[in-house]
PDB file of all heavy atoms in Angstrom:
ATOM      1  N   ARG A   1      -8.914 -12.814   8.040  1.00  0.00           N
ATOM      2  CA  ARG A   1      -8.977 -14.097   8.753  1.00  0.00           C
ATOM      3  C   ARG A   1      -9.824 -15.121   7.929  1.00  0.00           C
ATOM      4  O   ARG A   1      -9.497 -16.259   7.781  1.00  0.00           O
ATOM      5  CB  ARG A   1      -9.536 -13.890  10.159  1.00  0.00           C
ATOM      6  CG  ARG A   1      -9.519 -15.167  10.945  1.00  0.00           C
ATOM      7  CD  ARG A   1     -10.008 -14.972  12.402  1.00  0.00           C
ATOM      8  NE  ARG A   1      -9.220 -13.983  13.093  1.00  0.00           N
ATOM      9  CZ  ARG A   1      -9.686 -13.161  13.992  1.00  0.00           C
ATOM     10  NH1 ARG A   1     -10.931 -13.266  14.432  1.00  0.00           N
ATOM     11  NH2 ARG A   1      -8.887 -12.220  14.592  1.00  0.00           N
ATOM     12  N   ALA A   2     -10.997 -14.669   7.531  1.00  0.00           N
ATOM     13  CA  ALA A   2     -11.889 -15.551   6.759  1.00  0.00           C
ATOM     14  C   ALA A   2     -11.257 -15.962   5.438  1.00  0.00           C
ATOM     15  O   ALA A   2     -11.373 -17.115   5.022  1.00  0.00           O
ATOM     16  CB  ALA A   2     -13.250 -14.847   6.555  1.00  0.00           C
ATOM     17  N   ILE A   3     -10.656 -15.031   4.755  1.00  0.00           N
ATOM     18  CA  ILE A   3     -10.041 -15.296   3.444  1.00  0.00           C
ATOM     19  C   ILE A   3      -8.920 -16.322   3.614  1.00  0.00           C
ATOM     20  O   ILE A   3      -8.676 -17.171   2.784  1.00  0.00           O
ATOM     21  CB  ILE A   3      -9.568 -14.008   2.786  1.00  0.00           C
ATOM     22  CG1 ILE A   3     -10.789 -13.223   2.291  1.00  0.00           C
ATOM     23  CG2 ILE A   3      -8.615 -14.292   1.588  1.00  0.00           C
ATOM     24  CD1 ILE A   3     -10.472 -11.821   1.795  1.00  0.00           C
ATOM     25  N   GLY A   4      -8.229 -16.269   4.751  1.00  0.00           N
ATOM     26  CA  GLY A   4      -7.098 -17.197   5.037  1.00  0.00           C
ATOM     27  C   GLY A   4      -7.571 -18.633   5.132  1.00  0.00           C
ATOM     28  O   GLY A   4      -6.779 -19.568   5.110  1.00  0.00           O
ATOM     29  N   GLU A   5      -8.893 -18.837   5.330  1.00  0.00           N
ATOM     30  CA  GLU A   5      -9.408 -20.189   5.415  1.00  0.00           C
ATOM     31  C   GLU A   5     -10.027 -20.678   4.147  1.00  0.00           C
ATOM     32  O   GLU A   5     -10.534 -21.807   4.036  1.00  0.00           O
ATOM     33  CB  GLU A   5     -10.472 -20.207   6.564  1.00  0.00           C
ATOM     34  CG  GLU A   5      -9.863 -19.932   7.918  1.00  0.00           C
ATOM     35  CD  GLU A   5     -10.943 -19.767   8.995  1.00  0.00           C
ATOM     36  OE1 GLU A   5     -12.114 -20.044   8.709  1.00  0.00           O
ATOM     37  OE2 GLU A   5     -10.586 -19.490  10.100  1.00  0.00           O
ATOM     38  N   MET A   6      -9.978 -19.943   3.060  1.00  0.00           N
ATOM     39  CA  MET A   6     -10.550 -20.260   1.808  1.00  0.00           C
ATOM     40  C   MET A   6      -9.541 -20.824   0.815  1.00  0.00           C
ATOM     41  O   MET A   6      -8.346 -20.399   0.842  1.00  0.00           O
ATOM     42  CB  MET A   6     -11.215 -18.994   1.228  1.00  0.00           C
ATOM     43  CG  MET A   6     -12.377 -18.483   1.952  1.00  0.00           C
ATOM     44  SD  MET A   6     -13.113 -17.066   1.095  1.00  0.00           S
ATOM     45  CE  MET A   6     -14.132 -16.421   2.417  1.00  0.00           C
ATOM     46  N   ASP A   7      -9.984 -21.764  -0.036  1.00  0.00           N
ATOM     47  CA  ASP A   7      -9.073 -22.364  -1.008  1.00  0.00           C
ATOM     48  C   ASP A   7      -8.977 -21.513  -2.221  1.00  0.00           C
ATOM     49  O   ASP A   7      -9.421 -21.828  -3.313  1.00  0.00           O
ATOM     50  CB  ASP A   7      -9.611 -23.750  -1.381  1.00  0.00           C
ATOM     51  CG  ASP A   7      -8.656 -24.487  -2.284  1.00  0.00           C
ATOM     52  OD1 ASP A   7      -7.441 -24.146  -2.322  1.00  0.00           O
ATOM     53  OD2 ASP A   7      -9.154 -25.428  -3.015  1.00  0.00           O
ATOM     54  N   ILE A   8      -8.302 -20.389  -2.062  1.00  0.00           N
ATOM     55  CA  ILE A   8      -7.992 -19.389  -3.096  1.00  0.00           C
ATOM     56  C   ILE A   8      -6.753 -18.651  -2.757  1.00  0.00           C
ATOM     57  O   ILE A   8      -6.513 -18.341  -1.590  1.00  0.00           O
ATOM     58  CB  ILE A   8      -9.228 -18.499  -3.428  1.00  0.00           C
ATOM     59  CG1 ILE A   8      -8.988 -17.667  -4.679  1.00  0.00           C
ATOM     60  CG2 ILE A   8      -9.520 -17.602  -2.199  1.00  0.00           C
ATOM     61  CD1 ILE A   8     -10.232 -16.950  -5.178  1.00  0.00           C
ATOM     62  N   GLY A   9      -5.964 -18.310  -3.722  1.00  0.00           N
ATOM     63  CA  GLY A   9      -4.782 -17.484  -3.509  1.00  0.00           C
ATOM     64  C   GLY A   9      -5.231 -15.991  -3.470  1.00  0.00           C
ATOM     65  O   GLY A   9      -5.935 -15.572  -4.413  1.00  0.00           O
ATOM     66  N   VAL A  10      -4.819 -15.242  -2.476  1.00  0.00           N
ATOM     67  CA  VAL A  10      -5.093 -13.807  -2.451  1.00  0.00           C
ATOM     68  C   VAL A  10      -3.821 -13.114  -1.965  1.00  0.00           C
ATOM     69  O   VAL A  10      -3.371 -13.262  -0.871  1.00  0.00           O
ATOM     70  CB  VAL A  10      -6.285 -13.535  -1.491  1.00  0.00           C
ATOM     71  CG1 VAL A  10      -6.509 -11.982  -1.431  1.00  0.00           C
ATOM     72  CG2 VAL A  10      -7.532 -14.221  -1.937  1.00  0.00           C
ATOM     73  N   PHE A  11      -3.240 -12.304  -2.904  1.00  0.00           N
ATOM     74  CA  PHE A  11      -2.111 -11.502  -2.578  1.00  0.00           C
ATOM     75  C   PHE A  11      -2.591 -10.045  -2.630  1.00  0.00           C
ATOM     76  O   PHE A  11      -3.264  -9.669  -3.599  1.00  0.00           O
ATOM     77  CB  PHE A  11      -0.986 -11.676  -3.583  1.00  0.00           C
ATOM     78  CG  PHE A  11      -0.123 -12.894  -3.404  1.00  0.00           C
ATOM     79  CD1 PHE A  11      -0.568 -13.991  -2.647  1.00  0.00           C
ATOM     80  CD2 PHE A  11       1.184 -12.993  -3.947  1.00  0.00           C
ATOM     81  CE1 PHE A  11       0.275 -15.155  -2.460  1.00  0.00           C
ATOM     82  CE2 PHE A  11       1.976 -14.116  -3.809  1.00  0.00           C
ATOM     83  CZ  PHE A  11       1.499 -15.143  -3.062  1.00  0.00           C
ATOM     84  N   ALA A  12      -2.142  -9.246  -1.623  1.00  0.00           N
ATOM     85  CA  ALA A  12      -2.496  -7.828  -1.674  1.00  0.00           C
ATOM     86  C   ALA A  12      -1.365  -7.081  -0.972  1.00  0.00           C
ATOM     87  O   ALA A  12      -0.539  -7.703  -0.259  1.00  0.00           O
ATOM     88  CB  ALA A  12      -3.840  -7.613  -0.896  1.00  0.00           C
ATOM     89  N   ILE A  13      -1.395  -5.766  -1.061  1.00  0.00           N
ATOM     90  CA  ILE A  13      -0.402  -4.964  -0.378  1.00  0.00           C
ATOM     91  C   ILE A  13      -0.628  -5.000   1.115  1.00  0.00           C
ATOM     92  O   ILE A  13       0.270  -5.190   1.877  1.00  0.00           O
ATOM     93  CB  ILE A  13      -0.468  -3.536  -0.852  1.00  0.00           C
ATOM     94  CG1 ILE A  13      -0.053  -3.410  -2.331  1.00  0.00           C
ATOM     95  CG2 ILE A  13       0.515  -2.652  -0.025  1.00  0.00           C
ATOM     96  CD1 ILE A  13      -0.234  -2.036  -2.943  1.00  0.00           C
ATOM     97  N   ASP A  14      -1.899  -4.870   1.552  1.00  0.00           N
ATOM     98  CA  ASP A  14      -2.156  -4.881   2.986  1.00  0.00           C
ATOM     99  C   ASP A  14      -3.701  -5.059   3.226  1.00  0.00           C
ATOM    100  O   ASP A  14      -4.400  -5.340   2.270  1.00  0.00           O
ATOM    101  CB  ASP A  14      -1.732  -3.538   3.586  1.00  0.00           C
ATOM    102  CG  ASP A  14      -1.239  -3.689   5.009  1.00  0.00           C
ATOM    103  OD1 ASP A  14      -1.664  -4.598   5.725  1.00  0.00           O
ATOM    104  OD2 ASP A  14      -0.418  -2.828   5.458  1.00  0.00           O
ATOM    105  N   THR A  15      -4.111  -4.894   4.416  1.00  0.00           N
ATOM    106  CA  THR A  15      -5.523  -4.939   4.791  1.00  0.00           C
ATOM    107  C   THR A  15      -6.021  -3.573   5.199  1.00  0.00           C
ATOM    108  O   THR A  15      -5.247  -2.741   5.609  1.00  0.00           O
ATOM    109  CB  THR A  15      -5.768  -5.908   5.950  1.00  0.00           C
ATOM    110  OG1 THR A  15      -5.062  -5.412   7.091  1.00  0.00           O
ATOM    111  CG2 THR A  15      -5.322  -7.315   5.622  1.00  0.00           C
ATOM    112  N   HIS A  16      -7.335  -3.397   5.062  1.00  0.00           N
ATOM    113  CA  HIS A  16      -8.027  -2.149   5.473  1.00  0.00           C
ATOM    114  C   HIS A  16      -9.462  -2.504   5.780  1.00  0.00           C
ATOM    115  O   HIS A  16     -10.079  -3.236   5.001  1.00  0.00           O
ATOM    116  CB  HIS A  16      -7.943  -1.115   4.381  1.00  0.00           C
ATOM    117  CG  HIS A  16      -8.223   0.275   4.845  1.00  0.00           C
ATOM    118  ND1 HIS A  16      -9.494   0.733   5.214  1.00  0.00           N
ATOM    119  CD2 HIS A  16      -7.400   1.355   5.034  1.00  0.00           C
ATOM    120  CE1 HIS A  16      -9.429   1.943   5.600  1.00  0.00           C
ATOM    121  NE2 HIS A  16      -8.220   2.383   5.491  1.00  0.00           N
ATOM    122  N   PRO A  17     -10.021  -2.023   6.898  1.00  0.00           N
ATOM    123  CA  PRO A  17     -11.387  -2.446   7.241  1.00  0.00           C
ATOM    124  C   PRO A  17     -12.492  -1.753   6.429  1.00  0.00           C
ATOM    125  O   PRO A  17     -13.649  -2.189   6.397  1.00  0.00           O
ATOM    126  CB  PRO A  17     -11.494  -2.067   8.666  1.00  0.00           C
ATOM    127  CG  PRO A  17     -10.551  -0.929   8.862  1.00  0.00           C
ATOM    128  CD  PRO A  17      -9.416  -1.270   7.918  1.00  0.00           C
ATOM    129  N   MET A  18     -12.218  -0.647   5.713  1.00  0.00           N
ATOM    130  CA  MET A  18     -13.262   0.141   5.062  1.00  0.00           C
ATOM    131  C   MET A  18     -13.577  -0.447   3.714  1.00  0.00           C
ATOM    132  O   MET A  18     -12.748  -0.767   2.877  1.00  0.00           O
ATOM    133  CB  MET A  18     -12.761   1.558   4.872  1.00  0.00           C
ATOM    134  CG  MET A  18     -13.787   2.489   4.297  1.00  0.00           C
ATOM    135  SD  MET A  18     -15.169   2.810   5.437  1.00  0.00           S
ATOM    136  CE  MET A  18     -14.306   3.830   6.599  1.00  0.00           C
ATOM    137  N   LYS A  19     -14.951  -0.638   3.403  1.00  0.00           N
ATOM    138  CA  LYS A  19     -15.342  -1.122   2.119  1.00  0.00           C
ATOM    139  C   LYS A  19     -15.232   0.043   1.086  1.00  0.00           C
ATOM    140  O   LYS A  19     -15.004   1.178   1.451  1.00  0.00           O
ATOM    141  CB  LYS A  19     -16.793  -1.634   2.208  1.00  0.00           C
ATOM    142  CG  LYS A  19     -17.852  -0.624   2.462  1.00  0.00           C
ATOM    143  CD  LYS A  19     -19.225  -1.233   2.547  1.00  0.00           C
ATOM    144  CE  LYS A  19     -20.264  -0.184   2.807  1.00  0.00           C
ATOM    145  NZ  LYS A  19     -21.607  -0.722   2.880  1.00  0.00           N
ATOM    146  N   THR A  20     -15.442  -0.320  -0.174  1.00  0.00           N
ATOM    147  CA  THR A  20     -15.326   0.656  -1.240  1.00  0.00           C
ATOM    148  C   THR A  20     -16.676   1.339  -1.507  1.00  0.00           C
ATOM    149  O   THR A  20     -17.718   0.882  -1.047  1.00  0.00           O
ATOM    150  CB  THR A  20     -14.902   0.023  -2.608  1.00  0.00           C
ATOM    151  OG1 THR A  20     -15.912  -0.840  -3.062  1.00  0.00           O
ATOM    152  CG2 THR A  20     -13.592  -0.762  -2.382  1.00  0.00           C
ATOM    153  N   VAL A  21     -16.600   2.377  -2.342  1.00  0.00           N
ATOM    154  CA  VAL A  21     -17.753   2.942  -2.892  1.00  0.00           C
ATOM    155  C   VAL A  21     -18.188   2.117  -4.107  1.00  0.00           C
ATOM    156  O   VAL A  21     -17.380   1.287  -4.604  1.00  0.00           O
ATOM    157  CB  VAL A  21     -17.503   4.409  -3.332  1.00  0.00           C
ATOM    158  CG1 VAL A  21     -17.211   5.279  -2.146  1.00  0.00           C
ATOM    159  CG2 VAL A  21     -16.409   4.456  -4.357  1.00  0.00           C
ATOM    160  N   LYS A  22     -19.411   2.222  -4.537  1.00  0.00           N
ATOM    161  CA  LYS A  22     -19.919   1.405  -5.638  1.00  0.00           C
ATOM    162  C   LYS A  22     -20.437   2.385  -6.727  1.00  0.00           C
ATOM    163  O   LYS A  22     -21.510   2.890  -6.672  1.00  0.00           O
ATOM    164  CB  LYS A  22     -21.084   0.542  -5.229  1.00  0.00           C
ATOM    165  CG  LYS A  22     -20.744  -0.367  -4.006  1.00  0.00           C
ATOM    166  CD  LYS A  22     -19.838  -1.511  -4.422  1.00  0.00           C
ATOM    167  CE  LYS A  22     -19.730  -2.533  -3.308  1.00  0.00           C
ATOM    168  NZ  LYS A  22     -18.827  -2.208  -2.259  1.00  0.00           N
ATOM    169  N   LYS A  23     -19.586   2.673  -7.667  1.00  0.00           N
ATOM    170  CA  LYS A  23     -19.914   3.603  -8.784  1.00  0.00           C
ATOM    171  C   LYS A  23     -19.893   2.869 -10.170  1.00  0.00           C
ATOM    172  O   LYS A  23     -20.174   3.543 -11.152  1.00  0.00           O
ATOM    173  CB  LYS A  23     -18.996   4.801  -8.842  1.00  0.00           C
ATOM    174  CG  LYS A  23     -19.014   5.635  -7.609  1.00  0.00           C
ATOM    175  CD  LYS A  23     -18.070   6.801  -7.730  1.00  0.00           C
ATOM    176  CE  LYS A  23     -18.123   7.670  -6.473  1.00  0.00           C
ATOM    177  NZ  LYS A  23     -17.112   8.713  -6.540  1.00  0.00           N
ATOM    178  N   ASN A  24     -19.546   1.582 -10.181  1.00  0.00           N
ATOM    179  CA  ASN A  24     -19.446   0.836 -11.466  1.00  0.00           C
ATOM    180  C   ASN A  24     -18.465   1.472 -12.410  1.00  0.00           C
ATOM    181  O   ASN A  24     -18.692   1.572 -13.625  1.00  0.00           O
ATOM    182  CB  ASN A  24     -20.803   0.630 -12.143  1.00  0.00           C
ATOM    183  CG  ASN A  24     -21.630  -0.326 -11.353  1.00  0.00           C
ATOM    184  OD1 ASN A  24     -21.249  -1.473 -11.086  1.00  0.00           O
ATOM    185  ND2 ASN A  24     -22.838   0.132 -10.964  1.00  0.00           N
ATOM    186  N   VAL A  25     -17.321   2.026 -11.879  1.00  0.00           N
ATOM    187  CA  VAL A  25     -16.349   2.691 -12.656  1.00  0.00           C
ATOM    188  C   VAL A  25     -15.062   1.858 -12.695  1.00  0.00           C
ATOM    189  O   VAL A  25     -14.593   1.369 -11.698  1.00  0.00           O
ATOM    190  CB  VAL A  25     -16.051   4.089 -12.104  1.00  0.00           C
ATOM    191  CG1 VAL A  25     -14.928   4.789 -12.841  1.00  0.00           C
ATOM    192  CG2 VAL A  25     -17.271   4.962 -12.062  1.00  0.00           C
ATOM    193  N   GLY A  26     -14.535   1.708 -13.915  1.00  0.00           N
ATOM    194  CA  GLY A  26     -13.295   0.954 -14.091  1.00  0.00           C
ATOM    195  C   GLY A  26     -13.273   0.309 -15.472  1.00  0.00           C
ATOM    196  O   GLY A  26     -14.177   0.477 -16.278  1.00  0.00           O
ATOM    197  N   GLU A  27     -12.166  -0.367 -15.700  1.00  0.00           N
ATOM    198  CA  GLU A  27     -11.923  -1.028 -17.018  1.00  0.00           C
ATOM    199  C   GLU A  27     -11.568  -2.480 -16.781  1.00  0.00           C
ATOM    200  O   GLU A  27     -10.974  -2.808 -15.760  1.00  0.00           O
ATOM    201  CB  GLU A  27     -10.847  -0.348 -17.776  1.00  0.00           C
ATOM    202  CG  GLU A  27     -11.141   1.092 -18.149  1.00  0.00           C
ATOM    203  CD  GLU A  27      -9.940   1.728 -18.800  1.00  0.00           C
ATOM    204  OE1 GLU A  27      -9.824   1.606 -20.048  1.00  0.00           O
ATOM    205  OE2 GLU A  27      -9.051   2.256 -18.072  1.00  0.00           O
ATOM    206  N   SER A  28     -11.924  -3.334 -17.742  1.00  0.00           N
ATOM    207  CA  SER A  28     -11.547  -4.796 -17.588  1.00  0.00           C
ATOM    208  C   SER A  28     -10.870  -5.245 -18.853  1.00  0.00           C
ATOM    209  O   SER A  28     -11.054  -4.654 -19.962  1.00  0.00           O
ATOM    210  CB  SER A  28     -12.778  -5.621 -17.311  1.00  0.00           C
ATOM    211  OG  SER A  28     -13.734  -5.512 -18.348  1.00  0.00           O
ATOM    212  N   ASP A  29     -10.156  -6.324 -18.700  1.00  0.00           N
ATOM    213  CA  ASP A  29      -9.455  -6.970 -19.847  1.00  0.00           C
ATOM    214  C   ASP A  29      -8.545  -6.037 -20.671  1.00  0.00           C
ATOM    215  O   ASP A  29      -8.554  -6.061 -21.849  1.00  0.00           O
ATOM    216  CB  ASP A  29     -10.436  -7.663 -20.754  1.00  0.00           C
ATOM    217  CG  ASP A  29     -11.195  -8.794 -20.019  1.00  0.00           C
ATOM    218  OD1 ASP A  29     -10.552  -9.508 -19.222  1.00  0.00           O
ATOM    219  OD2 ASP A  29     -12.389  -8.929 -20.216  1.00  0.00           O
ATOM    220  N   ILE A  30      -7.785  -5.153 -19.917  1.00  0.00           N
ATOM    221  CA  ILE A  30      -6.797  -4.309 -20.570  1.00  0.00           C
ATOM    222  C   ILE A  30      -5.452  -4.588 -19.889  1.00  0.00           C
ATOM    223  O   ILE A  30      -5.421  -5.038 -18.729  1.00  0.00           O
ATOM    224  CB  ILE A  30      -7.156  -2.847 -20.438  1.00  0.00           C
ATOM    225  CG1 ILE A  30      -7.198  -2.432 -18.895  1.00  0.00           C
ATOM    226  CG2 ILE A  30      -8.471  -2.529 -21.123  1.00  0.00           C
ATOM    227  CD1 ILE A  30      -7.205  -0.915 -18.698  1.00  0.00           C
ATOM    228  N   PRO A  31      -4.329  -4.291 -20.573  1.00  0.00           N
ATOM    229  CA  PRO A  31      -3.034  -4.401 -19.858  1.00  0.00           C
ATOM    230  C   PRO A  31      -2.985  -3.410 -18.713  1.00  0.00           C
ATOM    231  O   PRO A  31      -3.397  -2.285 -18.859  1.00  0.00           O
ATOM    232  CB  PRO A  31      -2.035  -4.085 -20.990  1.00  0.00           C
ATOM    233  CG  PRO A  31      -2.782  -4.368 -22.259  1.00  0.00           C
ATOM    234  CD  PRO A  31      -4.174  -3.996 -21.971  1.00  0.00           C
ATOM    235  N   VAL A  32      -2.514  -3.884 -17.557  1.00  0.00           N
ATOM    236  CA  VAL A  32      -2.287  -2.998 -16.420  1.00  0.00           C
ATOM    237  C   VAL A  32      -0.846  -3.128 -15.957  1.00  0.00           C
ATOM    238  O   VAL A  32      -0.242  -4.190 -16.073  1.00  0.00           O
ATOM    239  CB  VAL A  32      -3.241  -3.287 -15.260  1.00  0.00           C
ATOM    240  CG1 VAL A  32      -4.678  -3.036 -15.695  1.00  0.00           C
ATOM    241  CG2 VAL A  32      -3.101  -4.712 -14.732  1.00  0.00           C
ATOM    242  N   THR A  33      -0.289  -2.062 -15.413  1.00  0.00           N
ATOM    243  CA  THR A  33       1.127  -2.066 -15.088  1.00  0.00           C
ATOM    244  C   THR A  33       1.249  -1.556 -13.656  1.00  0.00           C
ATOM    245  O   THR A  33       0.781  -0.480 -13.229  1.00  0.00           O
ATOM    246  CB  THR A  33       1.950  -1.158 -15.987  1.00  0.00           C
ATOM    247  OG1 THR A  33       1.754  -1.587 -17.361  1.00  0.00           O
ATOM    248  CG2 THR A  33       3.429  -1.188 -15.644  1.00  0.00           C
ATOM    249  N   PHE A  34       1.998  -2.382 -12.827  1.00  0.00           N
ATOM    250  CA  PHE A  34       2.442  -2.015 -11.501  1.00  0.00           C
ATOM    251  C   PHE A  34       3.524  -2.969 -11.069  1.00  0.00           C
ATOM    252  O   PHE A  34       3.687  -4.009 -11.664  1.00  0.00           O
ATOM    253  CB  PHE A  34       1.263  -1.924 -10.455  1.00  0.00           C
ATOM    254  CG  PHE A  34       0.506  -3.259 -10.337  1.00  0.00           C
ATOM    255  CD1 PHE A  34       0.938  -4.287  -9.485  1.00  0.00           C
ATOM    256  CD2 PHE A  34      -0.687  -3.418 -11.087  1.00  0.00           C
ATOM    257  CE1 PHE A  34       0.216  -5.438  -9.381  1.00  0.00           C
ATOM    258  CE2 PHE A  34      -1.354  -4.572 -10.911  1.00  0.00           C
ATOM    259  CZ  PHE A  34      -0.903  -5.622 -10.085  1.00  0.00           C
ATOM    260  N   GLY A  35       4.286  -2.589 -10.076  1.00  0.00           N
ATOM    261  CA  GLY A  35       5.398  -3.479  -9.596  1.00  0.00           C
ATOM    262  C   GLY A  35       6.426  -3.679 -10.677  1.00  0.00           C
ATOM    263  O   GLY A  35       7.132  -4.754 -10.608  1.00  0.00           O
ATOM    264  N   GLY A  36       6.568  -2.817 -11.624  1.00  0.00           N
ATOM    265  CA  GLY A  36       7.553  -3.007 -12.685  1.00  0.00           C
ATOM    266  C   GLY A  36       7.193  -3.978 -13.745  1.00  0.00           C
ATOM    267  O   GLY A  36       8.048  -4.323 -14.558  1.00  0.00           O
ATOM    268  N   VAL A  37       5.942  -4.414 -13.778  1.00  0.00           N
ATOM    269  CA  VAL A  37       5.564  -5.421 -14.745  1.00  0.00           C
ATOM    270  C   VAL A  37       4.192  -5.051 -15.384  1.00  0.00           C
ATOM    271  O   VAL A  37       3.346  -4.496 -14.655  1.00  0.00           O
ATOM    272  CB  VAL A  37       5.387  -6.851 -14.037  1.00  0.00           C
ATOM    273  CG1 VAL A  37       4.679  -7.814 -14.890  1.00  0.00           C
ATOM    274  CG2 VAL A  37       6.759  -7.324 -13.641  1.00  0.00           C
ATOM    275  N   THR A  38       4.034  -5.345 -16.642  1.00  0.00           N
ATOM    276  CA  THR A  38       2.703  -5.179 -17.267  1.00  0.00           C
ATOM    277  C   THR A  38       2.039  -6.548 -17.332  1.00  0.00           C
ATOM    278  O   THR A  38       2.646  -7.522 -17.735  1.00  0.00           O
ATOM    279  CB  THR A  38       2.885  -4.650 -18.739  1.00  0.00           C
ATOM    280  OG1 THR A  38       3.485  -3.322 -18.639  1.00  0.00           O
ATOM    281  CG2 THR A  38       1.521  -4.560 -19.431  1.00  0.00           C
ATOM    282  N   PHE A  39       0.815  -6.576 -16.828  1.00  0.00           N
ATOM    283  CA  PHE A  39      -0.005  -7.798 -16.778  1.00  0.00           C
ATOM    284  C   PHE A  39      -0.964  -7.713 -17.931  1.00  0.00           C
ATOM    285  O   PHE A  39      -1.827  -6.806 -18.019  1.00  0.00           O
ATOM    286  CB  PHE A  39      -0.768  -7.853 -15.481  1.00  0.00           C
ATOM    287  CG  PHE A  39       0.065  -7.879 -14.245  1.00  0.00           C
ATOM    288  CD1 PHE A  39       0.556  -6.626 -13.724  1.00  0.00           C
ATOM    289  CD2 PHE A  39       0.421  -9.069 -13.574  1.00  0.00           C
ATOM    290  CE1 PHE A  39       1.303  -6.646 -12.528  1.00  0.00           C
ATOM    291  CE2 PHE A  39       1.210  -9.012 -12.439  1.00  0.00           C
ATOM    292  CZ  PHE A  39       1.629  -7.849 -11.932  1.00  0.00           C
ATOM    293  N   THR A  40      -0.855  -8.626 -18.870  1.00  0.00           N
ATOM    294  CA  THR A  40      -1.707  -8.652 -20.024  1.00  0.00           C
ATOM    295  C   THR A  40      -2.671  -9.827 -19.981  1.00  0.00           C
ATOM    296  O   THR A  40      -2.266 -10.932 -19.689  1.00  0.00           O
ATOM    297  CB  THR A  40      -0.813  -8.751 -21.311  1.00  0.00           C
ATOM    298  OG1 THR A  40       0.142  -7.670 -21.336  1.00  0.00           O
ATOM    299  CG2 THR A  40      -1.583  -8.689 -22.598  1.00  0.00           C
ATOM    300  N   PRO A  41      -3.929  -9.542 -20.265  1.00  0.00           N
ATOM    301  CA  PRO A  41      -4.909 -10.617 -20.237  1.00  0.00           C
ATOM    302  C   PRO A  41      -4.444 -11.840 -21.123  1.00  0.00           C
ATOM    303  O   PRO A  41      -3.903 -11.652 -22.203  1.00  0.00           O
ATOM    304  CB  PRO A  41      -6.185  -9.974 -20.797  1.00  0.00           C
ATOM    305  CG  PRO A  41      -6.058  -8.536 -20.457  1.00  0.00           C
ATOM    306  CD  PRO A  41      -4.589  -8.256 -20.623  1.00  0.00           C
ATOM    307  N   ASP A  42      -4.700 -12.994 -20.562  1.00  0.00           N
ATOM    308  CA  ASP A  42      -4.362 -14.297 -21.176  1.00  0.00           C
ATOM    309  C   ASP A  42      -2.907 -14.675 -21.131  1.00  0.00           C
ATOM    310  O   ASP A  42      -2.503 -15.734 -21.594  1.00  0.00           O
ATOM    311  CB  ASP A  42      -4.944 -14.407 -22.628  1.00  0.00           C
ATOM    312  CG  ASP A  42      -6.444 -14.517 -22.623  1.00  0.00           C
ATOM    313  OD1 ASP A  42      -6.998 -15.113 -21.713  1.00  0.00           O
ATOM    314  OD2 ASP A  42      -7.073 -13.956 -23.499  1.00  0.00           O
ATOM    315  N   GLU A  43      -2.014 -13.780 -20.583  1.00  0.00           N
ATOM    316  CA  GLU A  43      -0.707 -14.245 -20.268  1.00  0.00           C
ATOM    317  C   GLU A  43      -0.798 -15.090 -18.959  1.00  0.00           C
ATOM    318  O   GLU A  43      -1.865 -15.308 -18.437  1.00  0.00           O
ATOM    319  CB  GLU A  43       0.250 -13.088 -20.113  1.00  0.00           C
ATOM    320  CG  GLU A  43       0.601 -12.417 -21.376  1.00  0.00           C
ATOM    321  CD  GLU A  43       1.761 -11.443 -21.314  1.00  0.00           C
ATOM    322  OE1 GLU A  43       2.049 -10.915 -20.184  1.00  0.00           O
ATOM    323  OE2 GLU A  43       2.333 -11.162 -22.364  1.00  0.00           O
TER     324      GLU A  43
END
């Protein structure tokens, strides 16, 4: 509801009330693939 009032585009699969864990694990600025498409940084 709050995000819907903000001037930013947000697309997601769905909503969930639970926050995430915080382990600082993940990768950035790499090609990622889902939905039949590879998303490459700077495209």
